[in-house]
Amino acid sequence: MKYGFQEPRKRPNKINILLLILFFAGQRLAYAQTDSTAAIQKATVVKDTTALQSNAAAQNKAKLFFNFDARGTFIQHKHINVFGVNAGITFGEKRNRLTAGYYWLGYNAARRLVNWRKILPNPLNLSYYTATDVRFANFAYWHTAIRNKRWVLSTPLEIGIGNESTRFRDLFDGVASGSRKDYFIPLQVGVYAEYRAFRWAGINSQIGYRNALSSGEFRERFSGFYYSYGVNLYPEAIWKDFKKWSKRKGKSQTLDNASAPVGH
């Protein structure tokens, strides 16, 4: 007490109390937001990781395929077509391929030659001709060095086993006079390039060398360079687009039916 007056009580400052309440509420809200953000980020990371794992699993999944193969080569200075069919699997992000195939060709279907029997004194028997066919089974491993949205660059290594069958026929009577077979092992190595020009189609080219392991002159005849070129179709892209188109068409028909007046 001073000068006979009682000192007034100090009342709490309402502004300070309000500021304290807002401060603690803000801290709690901030912690809540931090926890929510962390939860969202964690969920996003988990989702992204799951998506990456699923994409990686889809890429690593082995897939079957089947295709036709046509190659050009030169045998005894003549252009010959080699035809074949292949089936196999791709694996390891589509960077590895194993194939098994069967190839055949026919050449010199009416070539006059030295008489193999050597019965006649004349070394040339012009009344005979040969029908020559070559067939072989082929196994290959393709390693892909480059694969992106547009380009594919692979190195095929191939080995097989086959035979050349020759039949001697008389030109006038058409009677078979004899035959012979030569077995060989074709070893082939090449380079394959593919360019995806469009979503559904692209072009390809291949060049390589073939060495026919065999006894006799067949090795010299059948060894040489080969090449091929053609058009690629991508059934997966075609099928995906077809399913999307069918789904959109079904939705549009549903909407049209829903918007149609009752009774029509």
C-alpha atoms as a PDB file:
ATOM      1  CA  MET A   1       0.000   0.000   0.000  1.00  0.00           C
ATOM      2  CA  LYS A   2       1.336   3.375  -0.982  1.00  0.00           C
ATOM      3  CA  TYR A   3      -0.126   6.767  -0.116  1.00  0.00           C
ATOM      4  CA  GLY A   4      -3.177   4.999   1.319  1.00  0.00           C
ATOM      5  CA  PHE A   5      -4.132   3.349  -1.945  1.00  0.00           C
ATOM      6  CA  GLN A   6      -4.167  -0.376  -2.505  1.00  0.00           C
ATOM      7  CA  GLU A   7      -2.123  -1.537  -5.457  1.00  0.00           C
ATOM      8  CA  PRO A   8      -4.352  -2.942  -8.181  1.00  0.00           C
ATOM      9  CA  ARG A   9      -4.066  -6.630  -9.090  1.00  0.00           C
ATOM     10  CA  LYS A  10      -2.229  -7.408 -12.275  1.00  0.00           C
ATOM     11  CA  ARG A  11      -4.620  -9.000 -14.687  1.00  0.00           C
ATOM     12  CA  PRO A  12      -3.303 -11.436 -17.277  1.00  0.00           C
ATOM     13  CA  ASN A  13      -2.866  -9.964 -20.699  1.00  0.00           C
ATOM     14  CA  LYS A  14      -5.513 -11.460 -22.954  1.00  0.00           C
ATOM     15  CA  ILE A  15      -3.422 -10.810 -26.013  1.00  0.00           C
ATOM     16  CA  ASN A  16      -0.518 -12.842 -24.611  1.00  0.00           C
ATOM     17  CA  ILE A  17      -2.830 -15.722 -23.742  1.00  0.00           C
ATOM     18  CA  LEU A  18      -4.303 -15.688 -27.246  1.00  0.00           C
ATOM     19  CA  LEU A  19      -0.852 -15.672 -28.774  1.00  0.00           C
ATOM     20  CA  LEU A  20       0.198 -18.629 -26.637  1.00  0.00           C
ATOM     21  CA  ILE A  21      -2.918 -20.568 -27.650  1.00  0.00           C
ATOM     22  CA  LEU A  22      -2.289 -19.831 -31.329  1.00  0.00           C
ATOM     23  CA  PHE A  23       1.381 -20.777 -30.960  1.00  0.00           C
ATOM     24  CA  PHE A  24       0.646 -24.206 -29.455  1.00  0.00           C
ATOM     25  CA  ALA A  25      -2.165 -24.829 -31.922  1.00  0.00           C
ATOM     26  CA  GLY A  26       0.151 -23.902 -34.791  1.00  0.00           C
ATOM     27  CA  GLN A  27       2.849 -26.226 -33.476  1.00  0.00           C
ATOM     28  CA  ARG A  28       0.370 -29.083 -33.288  1.00  0.00           C
ATOM     29  CA  LEU A  29      -0.948 -28.327 -36.764  1.00  0.00           C
ATOM     30  CA  ALA A  30       2.588 -28.136 -38.096  1.00  0.00           C
ATOM     31  CA  TYR A  31       3.422 -31.525 -36.581  1.00  0.00           C
ATOM     32  CA  ALA A  32       0.222 -32.968 -38.000  1.00  0.00           C
ATOM     33  CA  GLN A  33       1.022 -31.556 -41.451  1.00  0.00           C
ATOM     34  CA  THR A  34       4.560 -32.902 -41.223  1.00  0.00           C
ATOM     35  CA  ASP A  35       3.275 -36.337 -40.310  1.00  0.00           C
ATOM     36  CA  SER A  36       0.715 -36.224 -43.141  1.00  0.00           C
ATOM     37  CA  THR A  37       3.330 -35.086 -45.663  1.00  0.00           C
ATOM     38  CA  ALA A  38       5.691 -37.829 -44.533  1.00  0.00           C
ATOM     39  CA  ALA A  39       2.907 -40.383 -44.828  1.00  0.00           C
ATOM     40  CA  ILE A  40       2.022 -39.148 -48.318  1.00  0.00           C
ATOM     41  CA  GLN A  41       5.673 -39.186 -49.406  1.00  0.00           C
ATOM     42  CA  LYS A  42       6.104 -42.658 -47.952  1.00  0.00           C
ATOM     43  CA  ALA A  43       3.007 -43.893 -49.765  1.00  0.00           C
ATOM     44  CA  THR A  44       4.246 -42.308 -53.009  1.00  0.00           C
ATOM     45  CA  VAL A  45       7.653 -43.935 -52.639  1.00  0.00           C
ATOM     46  CA  VAL A  46       6.068 -47.305 -51.947  1.00  0.00           C
ATOM     47  CA  LYS A  47       3.770 -46.881 -54.952  1.00  0.00           C
ATOM     48  CA  ASP A  48       6.631 -45.836 -57.237  1.00  0.00           C
ATOM     49  CA  THR A  49       8.797 -48.720 -56.017  1.00  0.00           C
ATOM     50  CA  THR A  50       5.970 -51.181 -56.604  1.00  0.00           C
ATOM     51  CA  ALA A  51       5.399 -49.789 -60.111  1.00  0.00           C
ATOM     52  CA  LEU A  52       9.105 -50.060 -60.921  1.00  0.00           C
ATOM     53  CA  GLN A  53       9.240 -53.613 -59.613  1.00  0.00           C
ATOM     54  CA  SER A  54       6.174 -54.589 -61.651  1.00  0.00           C
ATOM     55  CA  ASN A  55       7.642 -52.989 -64.802  1.00  0.00           C
ATOM     56  CA  ALA A  56      10.968 -54.732 -64.227  1.00  0.00           C
ATOM     57  CA  ALA A  57       9.190 -58.053 -63.707  1.00  0.00           C
ATOM     58  CA  ALA A  58       7.215 -57.539 -66.917  1.00  0.00           C
ATOM     59  CA  GLN A  59      10.410 -56.724 -68.834  1.00  0.00           C
ATOM     60  CA  ASN A  60      12.265 -59.767 -67.447  1.00  0.00           C
ATOM     61  CA  LYS A  61       9.398 -62.136 -68.192  1.00  0.00           C
ATOM     62  CA  ALA A  62      10.252 -64.631 -70.936  1.00  0.00           C
ATOM     63  CA  LYS A  63       8.097 -64.330 -74.060  1.00  0.00           C
ATOM     64  CA  LEU A  64       7.519 -66.744 -76.911  1.00  0.00           C
ATOM     65  CA  PHE A  65       7.642 -65.666 -80.549  1.00  0.00           C
ATOM     66  CA  PHE A  66       7.446 -67.119 -84.057  1.00  0.00           C
ATOM     67  CA  ASN A  67       8.601 -65.614 -87.353  1.00  0.00           C
ATOM     68  CA  PHE A  68       9.500 -66.301 -90.958  1.00  0.00           C
ATOM     69  CA  ASP A  69      13.004 -65.614 -92.242  1.00  0.00           C
ATOM     70  CA  ALA A  70      14.191 -65.046 -95.806  1.00  0.00           C
ATOM     71  CA  ARG A  71      17.844 -64.450 -96.663  1.00  0.00           C
ATOM     72  CA  GLY A  72      19.817 -63.920 -99.818  1.00  0.00           C
ATOM     73  CA  THR A  73      23.201 -65.515-100.525  1.00  0.00           C
ATOM     74  CA  PHE A  74      25.502 -66.418-103.414  1.00  0.00           C
ATOM     75  CA  ILE A  75      26.429 -69.984-104.285  1.00  0.00           C
ATOM     76  CA  GLN A  76      28.748 -70.595-107.218  1.00  0.00           C
ATOM     77  CA  HIS A  77      28.278 -66.962-108.273  1.00  0.00           C
ATOM     78  CA  LYS A  78      24.501 -67.337-108.392  1.00  0.00           C
ATOM     79  CA  HIS A  79      22.006 -65.488-106.229  1.00  0.00           C
ATOM     80  CA  ILE A  80      20.067 -67.969-104.078  1.00  0.00           C
ATOM     81  CA  ASN A  81      17.194 -67.411-101.650  1.00  0.00           C
ATOM     82  CA  VAL A  82      17.254 -69.169 -98.288  1.00  0.00           C
ATOM     83  CA  PHE A  83      13.875 -69.538 -96.552  1.00  0.00           C
ATOM     84  CA  GLY A  84      13.210 -70.523 -92.978  1.00  0.00           C
ATOM     85  CA  VAL A  85      10.938 -70.475 -89.945  1.00  0.00           C
ATOM     86  CA  ASN A  86      12.012 -69.683 -86.387  1.00  0.00           C
ATOM     87  CA  ALA A  87      10.549 -70.029 -82.914  1.00  0.00           C
ATOM     88  CA  GLY A  88      12.085 -69.068 -79.604  1.00  0.00           C
ATOM     89  CA  ILE A  89      11.994 -66.999 -76.428  1.00  0.00           C
ATOM     90  CA  THR A  90      13.177 -63.535 -75.397  1.00  0.00           C
ATOM     91  CA  PHE A  91      14.258 -62.795 -71.826  1.00  0.00           C
ATOM     92  CA  GLY A  92      16.367 -60.404 -69.732  1.00  0.00           C
ATOM     93  CA  GLU A  93      14.595 -57.116 -70.617  1.00  0.00           C
ATOM     94  CA  LYS A  94      14.301 -58.401 -74.196  1.00  0.00           C
ATOM     95  CA  ARG A  95      18.078 -58.267 -74.585  1.00  0.00           C
ATOM     96  CA  ASN A  96      18.573 -62.014 -75.059  1.00  0.00           C
ATOM     97  CA  ARG A  97      16.961 -64.359 -77.516  1.00  0.00           C
ATOM     98  CA  LEU A  98      17.198 -68.104 -78.110  1.00  0.00           C
ATOM     99  CA  THR A  99      15.802 -69.507 -81.353  1.00  0.00           C
ATOM    100  CA  ALA A 100      15.443 -72.818 -83.140  1.00  0.00           C
ATOM    101  CA  GLY A 101      14.701 -72.841 -86.856  1.00  0.00           C
ATOM    102  CA  TYR A 102      14.527 -74.843 -90.050  1.00  0.00           C
ATOM    103  CA  TYR A 103      15.887 -73.565 -93.391  1.00  0.00           C
ATOM    104  CA  TRP A 104      15.761 -74.852 -96.944  1.00  0.00           C
ATOM    105  CA  LEU A 105      16.796 -73.821-100.450  1.00  0.00           C
ATOM    106  CA  GLY A 106      16.892 -75.260-103.936  1.00  0.00           C
ATOM    107  CA  TYR A 107      19.474 -74.245-106.519  1.00  0.00           C
ATOM    108  CA  ASN A 108      20.977 -75.456-109.813  1.00  0.00           C
ATOM    109  CA  ALA A 109      17.807 -77.413-110.492  1.00  0.00           C
ATOM    110  CA  ALA A 110      18.901 -78.158-114.069  1.00  0.00           C
ATOM    111  CA  ARG A 111      22.689 -77.963-113.969  1.00  0.00           C
ATOM    112  CA  ARG A 112      24.601 -80.297-116.265  1.00  0.00           C
ATOM    113  CA  LEU A 113      27.712 -81.594-114.586  1.00  0.00           C
ATOM    114  CA  VAL A 114      30.525 -84.055-114.692  1.00  0.00           C
ATOM    115  CA  ASN A 115      29.186 -87.593-114.513  1.00  0.00           C
ATOM    116  CA  TRP A 116      29.724 -88.702-110.926  1.00  0.00           C
ATOM    117  CA  ARG A 117      29.705 -92.398-111.889  1.00  0.00           C
ATOM    118  CA  LYS A 118      32.526 -91.886-114.387  1.00  0.00           C
ATOM    119  CA  ILE A 119      31.308 -94.839-116.439  1.00  0.00           C
ATOM    120  CA  LEU A 120      31.376 -93.215-119.844  1.00  0.00           C
ATOM    121  CA  PRO A 121      34.761 -92.389-121.383  1.00  0.00           C
ATOM    122  CA  ASN A 122      33.532 -88.868-122.106  1.00  0.00           C
ATOM    123  CA  PRO A 123      33.905 -86.868-118.827  1.00  0.00           C
ATOM    124  CA  LEU A 124      30.851 -84.782-119.693  1.00  0.00           C
ATOM    125  CA  ASN A 125      27.543 -86.532-119.786  1.00  0.00           C
ATOM    126  CA  LEU A 126      25.160 -83.964-121.259  1.00  0.00           C
ATOM    127  CA  SER A 127      22.134 -86.228-121.037  1.00  0.00           C
ATOM    128  CA  TYR A 128      22.013 -85.966-117.236  1.00  0.00           C
ATOM    129  CA  TYR A 129      21.083 -83.129-114.901  1.00  0.00           C
ATOM    130  CA  THR A 130      20.996 -82.702-111.133  1.00  0.00           C
ATOM    131  CA  ALA A 131      18.325 -81.520-108.725  1.00  0.00           C
ATOM    132  CA  THR A 132      20.089 -80.165-105.660  1.00  0.00           C
ATOM    133  CA  ASP A 133      18.436 -79.241-102.368  1.00  0.00           C
ATOM    134  CA  VAL A 134      19.879 -78.024 -99.087  1.00  0.00           C
ATOM    135  CA  ARG A 135      18.141 -78.284 -95.723  1.00  0.00           C
ATOM    136  CA  PHE A 136      19.432 -77.598 -92.234  1.00  0.00           C
ATOM    137  CA  ALA A 137      18.256 -77.070 -88.675  1.00  0.00           C
ATOM    138  CA  ASN A 138      19.582 -73.946 -86.996  1.00  0.00           C
ATOM    139  CA  PHE A 139      20.035 -72.836 -83.385  1.00  0.00           C
ATOM    140  CA  ALA A 140      20.906 -69.246 -82.503  1.00  0.00           C
ATOM    141  CA  TYR A 141      21.647 -66.932 -79.601  1.00  0.00           C
ATOM    142  CA  TRP A 142      20.958 -63.221 -80.119  1.00  0.00           C
ATOM    143  CA  HIS A 143      22.562 -60.667 -77.810  1.00  0.00           C
ATOM    144  CA  THR A 144      21.056 -57.174 -78.022  1.00  0.00           C
ATOM    145  CA  ALA A 145      23.548 -54.369 -77.408  1.00  0.00           C
ATOM    146  CA  ILE A 146      21.135 -51.479 -78.090  1.00  0.00           C
ATOM    147  CA  ARG A 147      17.395 -51.390 -77.453  1.00  0.00           C
ATOM    148  CA  ASN A 148      15.327 -48.215 -77.153  1.00  0.00           C
ATOM    149  CA  LYS A 149      12.065 -46.851 -78.504  1.00  0.00           C
ATOM    150  CA  ARG A 150      13.421 -46.559 -82.041  1.00  0.00           C
ATOM    151  CA  TRP A 151      16.514 -48.741 -82.501  1.00  0.00           C
ATOM    152  CA  VAL A 152      17.531 -52.363 -81.930  1.00  0.00           C
ATOM    153  CA  LEU A 153      21.052 -53.636 -82.615  1.00  0.00           C
ATOM    154  CA  SER A 154      21.791 -57.344 -82.088  1.00  0.00           C
ATOM    155  CA  THR A 155      24.530 -59.864 -82.807  1.00  0.00           C
ATOM    156  CA  PRO A 156      23.227 -63.337 -83.749  1.00  0.00           C
ATOM    157  CA  LEU A 157      25.496 -66.378 -83.307  1.00  0.00           C
ATOM    158  CA  GLU A 158      24.159 -69.454 -85.131  1.00  0.00           C
ATOM    159  CA  ILE A 159      25.069 -73.125 -85.424  1.00  0.00           C
ATOM    160  CA  GLY A 160      23.197 -75.915 -87.168  1.00  0.00           C
ATOM    161  CA  ILE A 161      23.342 -79.262 -88.906  1.00  0.00           C
ATOM    162  CA  GLY A 162      22.081 -80.145 -92.365  1.00  0.00           C
ATOM    163  CA  ASN A 163      22.640 -81.950 -95.649  1.00  0.00           C
ATOM    164  CA  GLU A 164      22.788 -81.363 -99.376  1.00  0.00           C
ATOM    165  CA  SER A 165      20.937 -83.964-101.412  1.00  0.00           C
ATOM    166  CA  THR A 166      21.703 -84.373-105.116  1.00  0.00           C
ATOM    167  CA  ARG A 167      19.604 -86.493-107.503  1.00  0.00           C
ATOM    168  CA  PHE A 168      20.779 -87.371-110.993  1.00  0.00           C
ATOM    169  CA  ARG A 169      18.080 -87.713-113.637  1.00  0.00           C
ATOM    170  CA  ASP A 170      18.050 -88.536-117.304  1.00  0.00           C
ATOM    171  CA  LEU A 171      16.874 -85.595-119.416  1.00  0.00           C
ATOM    172  CA  PHE A 172      15.028 -87.789-121.900  1.00  0.00           C
ATOM    173  CA  ASP A 173      13.594 -90.648-119.850  1.00  0.00           C
ATOM    174  CA  GLY A 174      13.126 -88.778-116.553  1.00  0.00           C
ATOM    175  CA  VAL A 175      14.457 -91.790-114.664  1.00  0.00           C
ATOM    176  CA  ALA A 176      16.523 -91.213-111.539  1.00  0.00           C
ATOM    177  CA  SER A 177      19.992 -92.644-112.009  1.00  0.00           C
ATOM    178  CA  GLY A 178      21.384 -92.086-108.540  1.00  0.00           C
ATOM    179  CA  SER A 179      21.772 -89.706-105.632  1.00  0.00           C
ATOM    180  CA  ARG A 180      24.214 -88.608-102.978  1.00  0.00           C
ATOM    181  CA  LYS A 181      24.164 -86.632 -99.707  1.00  0.00           C
ATOM    182  CA  ASP A 182      26.728 -84.331 -98.146  1.00  0.00           C
ATOM    183  CA  TYR A 183      26.356 -83.422 -94.480  1.00  0.00           C
ATOM    184  CA  PHE A 184      27.623 -80.146 -93.091  1.00  0.00           C
ATOM    185  CA  ILE A 185      27.562 -77.887 -90.014  1.00  0.00           C
ATOM    186  CA  PRO A 186      26.725 -74.237 -90.807  1.00  0.00           C
ATOM    187  CA  LEU A 187      28.345 -71.660 -88.500  1.00  0.00           C
ATOM    188  CA  GLN A 188      27.010 -68.117 -88.919  1.00  0.00           C
ATOM    189  CA  VAL A 189      27.702 -64.774 -87.291  1.00  0.00           C
ATOM    190  CA  GLY A 190      26.101 -61.464 -88.227  1.00  0.00           C
ATOM    191  CA  VAL A 191      24.749 -58.068 -87.259  1.00  0.00           C
ATOM    192  CA  TYR A 192      21.034 -57.270 -87.106  1.00  0.00           C
ATOM    193  CA  ALA A 193      19.582 -53.725 -87.036  1.00  0.00           C
ATOM    194  CA  GLU A 194      15.956 -52.687 -86.616  1.00  0.00           C
ATOM    195  CA  TYR A 195      14.333 -49.245 -86.844  1.00  0.00           C
ATOM    196  CA  ARG A 196      10.827 -48.702 -85.485  1.00  0.00           C
ATOM    197  CA  ALA A 197       9.516 -46.062 -87.846  1.00  0.00           C
ATOM    198  CA  PHE A 198       5.903 -46.270 -86.627  1.00  0.00           C
ATOM    199  CA  ARG A 199       4.087 -47.657 -83.622  1.00  0.00           C
ATOM    200  CA  TRP A 200       2.830 -50.655 -85.580  1.00  0.00           C
ATOM    201  CA  ALA A 201       5.635 -51.237 -88.087  1.00  0.00           C
ATOM    202  CA  GLY A 202       9.343 -50.821 -88.751  1.00  0.00           C
ATOM    203  CA  ILE A 203      12.157 -52.001 -91.007  1.00  0.00           C
ATOM    204  CA  ASN A 204      15.095 -54.350 -90.443  1.00  0.00           C
ATOM    205  CA  SER A 205      18.341 -55.368 -92.086  1.00  0.00           C
ATOM    206  CA  GLN A 206      20.872 -58.123 -91.435  1.00  0.00           C
ATOM    207  CA  ILE A 207      24.274 -59.098 -92.838  1.00  0.00           C
ATOM    208  CA  GLY A 208      26.633 -61.887 -91.872  1.00  0.00           C
ATOM    209  CA  TYR A 209      29.004 -64.649 -92.914  1.00  0.00           C
ATOM    210  CA  ARG A 210      28.327 -68.393 -93.152  1.00  0.00           C
ATOM    211  CA  ASN A 211      30.998 -71.082 -92.872  1.00  0.00           C
ATOM    212  CA  ALA A 212      29.908 -74.622 -93.789  1.00  0.00           C
ATOM    213  CA  LEU A 213      32.039 -77.184 -91.967  1.00  0.00           C
ATOM    214  CA  SER A 214      32.128 -80.177 -94.295  1.00  0.00           C
ATOM    215  CA  SER A 215      34.494 -82.409 -96.178  1.00  0.00           C
ATOM    216  CA  GLY A 216      35.000 -81.973 -99.895  1.00  0.00           C
ATOM    217  CA  GLU A 217      34.019 -79.124-102.167  1.00  0.00           C
ATOM    218  CA  PHE A 218      30.682 -78.448-100.505  1.00  0.00           C
ATOM    219  CA  ARG A 219      32.398 -76.251 -97.901  1.00  0.00           C
ATOM    220  CA  GLU A 220      33.721 -73.950-100.610  1.00  0.00           C
ATOM    221  CA  ARG A 221      30.390 -73.816-102.426  1.00  0.00           C
ATOM    222  CA  PHE A 222      28.125 -73.115 -99.485  1.00  0.00           C
ATOM    223  CA  SER A 223      30.367 -70.799 -97.414  1.00  0.00           C
ATOM    224  CA  GLY A 224      29.916 -67.085 -98.022  1.00  0.00           C
ATOM    225  CA  PHE A 225      28.079 -63.922 -97.064  1.00  0.00           C
ATOM    226  CA  TYR A 226      24.347 -63.645 -96.534  1.00  0.00           C
ATOM    227  CA  TYR A 227      21.987 -60.705 -96.111  1.00  0.00           C
ATOM    228  CA  SER A 228      18.338 -59.922 -95.495  1.00  0.00           C
ATOM    229  CA  TYR A 229      15.982 -56.969 -95.179  1.00  0.00           C
ATOM    230  CA  GLY A 230      12.293 -56.627 -94.532  1.00  0.00           C
ATOM    231  CA  VAL A 231       9.388 -55.094 -92.638  1.00  0.00           C
ATOM    232  CA  ASN A 232       8.581 -55.634 -88.957  1.00  0.00           C
ATOM    233  CA  LEU A 233       5.082 -55.705 -87.497  1.00  0.00           C
ATOM    234  CA  TYR A 234       4.521 -55.287 -83.749  1.00  0.00           C
ATOM    235  CA  PRO A 235       1.484 -57.360 -82.696  1.00  0.00           C
ATOM    236  CA  GLU A 236       1.637 -56.177 -79.067  1.00  0.00           C
ATOM    237  CA  ALA A 237       1.130 -52.534 -80.019  1.00  0.00           C
ATOM    238  CA  ILE A 238      -1.597 -53.447 -82.504  1.00  0.00           C
ATOM    239  CA  TRP A 239      -3.423 -55.524 -79.891  1.00  0.00           C
ATOM    240  CA  LYS A 240      -3.157 -52.806 -77.196  1.00  0.00           C
ATOM    241  CA  ASP A 241      -4.531 -50.144 -79.542  1.00  0.00           C
ATOM    242  CA  PHE A 242      -7.333 -52.449 -80.616  1.00  0.00           C
ATOM    243  CA  LYS A 243      -8.349 -53.059 -76.980  1.00  0.00           C
ATOM    244  CA  LYS A 244      -8.298 -49.309 -76.255  1.00  0.00           C
ATOM    245  CA  TRP A 245     -10.415 -48.627 -79.335  1.00  0.00           C
ATOM    246  CA  SER A 246     -12.894 -51.362 -78.342  1.00  0.00           C
ATOM    247  CA  LYS A 247     -13.126 -49.955 -74.807  1.00  0.00           C
ATOM    248  CA  ARG A 248     -13.760 -46.399 -76.026  1.00  0.00           C
ATOM    249  CA  LYS A 249     -16.331 -47.652 -78.505  1.00  0.00           C
ATOM    250  CA  GLY A 250     -18.156 -49.565 -75.754  1.00  0.00           C
ATOM    251  CA  LYS A 251     -18.220 -46.474 -73.506  1.00  0.00           C
ATOM    252  CA  SER A 252     -19.545 -44.250 -76.293  1.00  0.00           C
ATOM    253  CA  GLN A 253     -22.320 -46.730 -77.063  1.00  0.00           C
ATOM    254  CA  THR A 254     -23.246 -46.869 -73.366  1.00  0.00           C
ATOM    255  CA  LEU A 255     -23.457 -43.080 -73.185  1.00  0.00           C
ATOM    256  CA  ASP A 256     -25.546 -42.925 -76.337  1.00  0.00           C
ATOM    257  CA  ASN A 257     -27.976 -45.486 -74.960  1.00  0.00           C
ATOM    258  CA  ALA A 258     -28.178 -43.618 -71.634  1.00  0.00           C
ATOM    259  CA  SER A 259     -28.920 -40.284 -73.317  1.00  0.00           C
ATOM    260  CA  ALA A 260     -31.556 -41.701 -75.653  1.00  0.00           C
ATOM    261  CA  PRO A 261     -35.189 -40.660 -74.790  1.00  0.00           C
ATOM    262  CA  VAL A 262     -37.297 -43.195 -72.974  1.00  0.00           C
ATOM    263  CA  GLY A 263     -39.518 -45.161 -75.296  1.00  0.00           C
ATOM    264  CA  HIS A 264     -37.230 -44.945 -78.315  1.00  0.00           C
END
